[in-house]
Each structure stands twice: as C-alpha cells, then as structure tokens.
C-alpha cells in the first residue's frame, strides 16, 4: 500500500479516472489497514478520532479511497 496522491494534486480528468467503478468500503477495516501499513498517514490525519466523511470512503480495483476533511486520499493497493 502506498499513498499515491490526493484529489488536490490531480486534474478533474485524472480524478474521474481514479473514481471509476468505486464501491463502498468498511471504514473501520480501512483505518486498521492504514494504521498497519501507513502509520505515518494514520498519525498525520489523526484517524483515531471521528471522521464525518467516513461514509464517503470507497474502493475499486486499484485504490482504497479515504475521505478525510473533504479530501480524497488515493491509496494504491
């Protein structure tokens, strides 16, 4: 797993490509996976606290998409 980019770092066309075929993901499962594989991101985003955007998190074949503070984090599987 690696953080590839956020929605702020790419064009709308790139964002649309990355968001294709997304499905909902279990937020707690995703946070635990990030805590294990990307501990610096976990700490930087304080993922141990409530996230009002957790329902918007998703996944597709290439990415886990974490939404935090209204920003999408594209984490390559």
Protein backbone atom coordinates (compact mmCIF):
# COMPACT_ATOMS: atom_id res chain seq x y z
CA UNK A 1 0.00 0.00 0.00
CA UNK A 2 1.15 3.49 -0.77
CA UNK A 3 -0.41 6.92 -0.82
CA UNK A 4 -0.33 7.90 -4.47
CA UNK A 5 -1.98 11.33 -4.32
CA UNK A 6 -4.91 13.37 -3.07
CA UNK A 7 -7.70 14.94 -5.09
CA UNK A 8 -5.96 18.32 -4.67
CA UNK A 9 -2.92 17.14 -6.61
CA UNK A 10 -4.59 15.88 -9.78
CA UNK A 11 -6.78 17.18 -12.60
CA UNK A 12 -10.51 16.57 -12.84
CA UNK A 13 -9.92 14.06 -15.65
CA UNK A 14 -7.44 12.11 -13.52
CA UNK A 15 -9.86 12.21 -10.59
CA UNK A 16 -12.70 10.84 -12.74
CA UNK A 17 -10.43 8.01 -13.91
CA UNK A 18 -9.41 7.10 -10.36
CA UNK A 19 -13.04 7.19 -9.16
CA UNK A 20 -14.35 4.77 -11.82
CA UNK A 21 -16.22 1.70 -10.55
CA UNK A 22 -15.95 2.61 -6.88
CA UNK A 23 -17.85 0.71 -4.23
CA UNK A 24 -18.37 1.48 -0.54
CA UNK A 25 -15.79 0.19 1.91
CA UNK A 26 -15.92 -0.62 5.60
CA UNK A 27 -14.33 2.45 7.19
CA UNK A 28 -13.03 0.71 10.32
CA UNK A 29 -11.39 -2.00 8.19
CA UNK A 30 -9.73 0.66 6.02
CA UNK A 31 -8.47 2.63 9.03
CA UNK A 32 -6.99 -0.52 10.57
CA UNK A 33 -5.25 -1.34 7.29
CA UNK A 34 -3.84 2.20 7.08
CA UNK A 35 -2.70 2.01 10.71
CA UNK A 36 -0.80 -1.19 9.94
CA UNK A 37 0.69 -0.30 6.53
CA UNK A 38 0.84 3.52 6.54
CA UNK A 39 1.29 4.51 10.20
CA UNK A 40 2.58 8.00 9.34
CA UNK A 41 -0.63 8.78 7.41
CA UNK A 42 -2.70 7.35 10.26
CA UNK A 43 -0.96 9.65 12.74
CA UNK A 44 -0.95 12.71 10.46
CA UNK A 45 -4.71 12.50 9.88
CA UNK A 46 -5.49 11.51 13.50
CA UNK A 47 -7.61 8.62 12.24
CA UNK A 48 -8.29 7.51 15.80
CA UNK A 49 -10.83 10.36 16.03
CA UNK A 50 -14.30 10.67 14.49
CA UNK A 51 -14.36 11.34 10.74
CA UNK A 52 -17.65 12.84 9.45
CA UNK A 53 -16.69 11.81 5.89
CA UNK A 54 -16.28 8.10 6.66
CA UNK A 55 -19.43 7.16 4.69
CA UNK A 56 -17.84 8.58 1.53
CA UNK A 57 -14.82 6.26 1.63
CA UNK A 58 -14.70 3.71 -1.18
CA UNK A 59 -12.57 1.29 -3.17
CA UNK A 60 -12.07 -0.02 -6.67
CA UNK A 61 -9.65 -2.47 -8.30
CA UNK A 62 -6.67 -0.12 -7.96
CA UNK A 63 -7.33 2.12 -4.96
CA UNK A 64 -8.64 2.48 -1.47
CA UNK A 65 -10.13 5.97 -1.32
CA UNK A 66 -10.05 7.54 2.11
CA UNK A 67 -12.05 10.74 2.51
CA UNK A 68 -10.88 12.95 5.34
CA UNK A 69 -11.54 16.68 5.82
CA UNK A 70 -13.28 16.71 2.45
CA UNK A 71 -10.11 15.49 0.69
CA UNK A 72 -9.86 12.15 -1.10
CA UNK A 73 -6.67 10.21 -0.48
CA UNK A 74 -5.92 7.68 -3.22
CA UNK A 75 -4.08 4.76 -1.69
CA UNK A 76 -2.82 2.26 -4.24
CA UNK A 77 -3.48 -1.32 -3.18
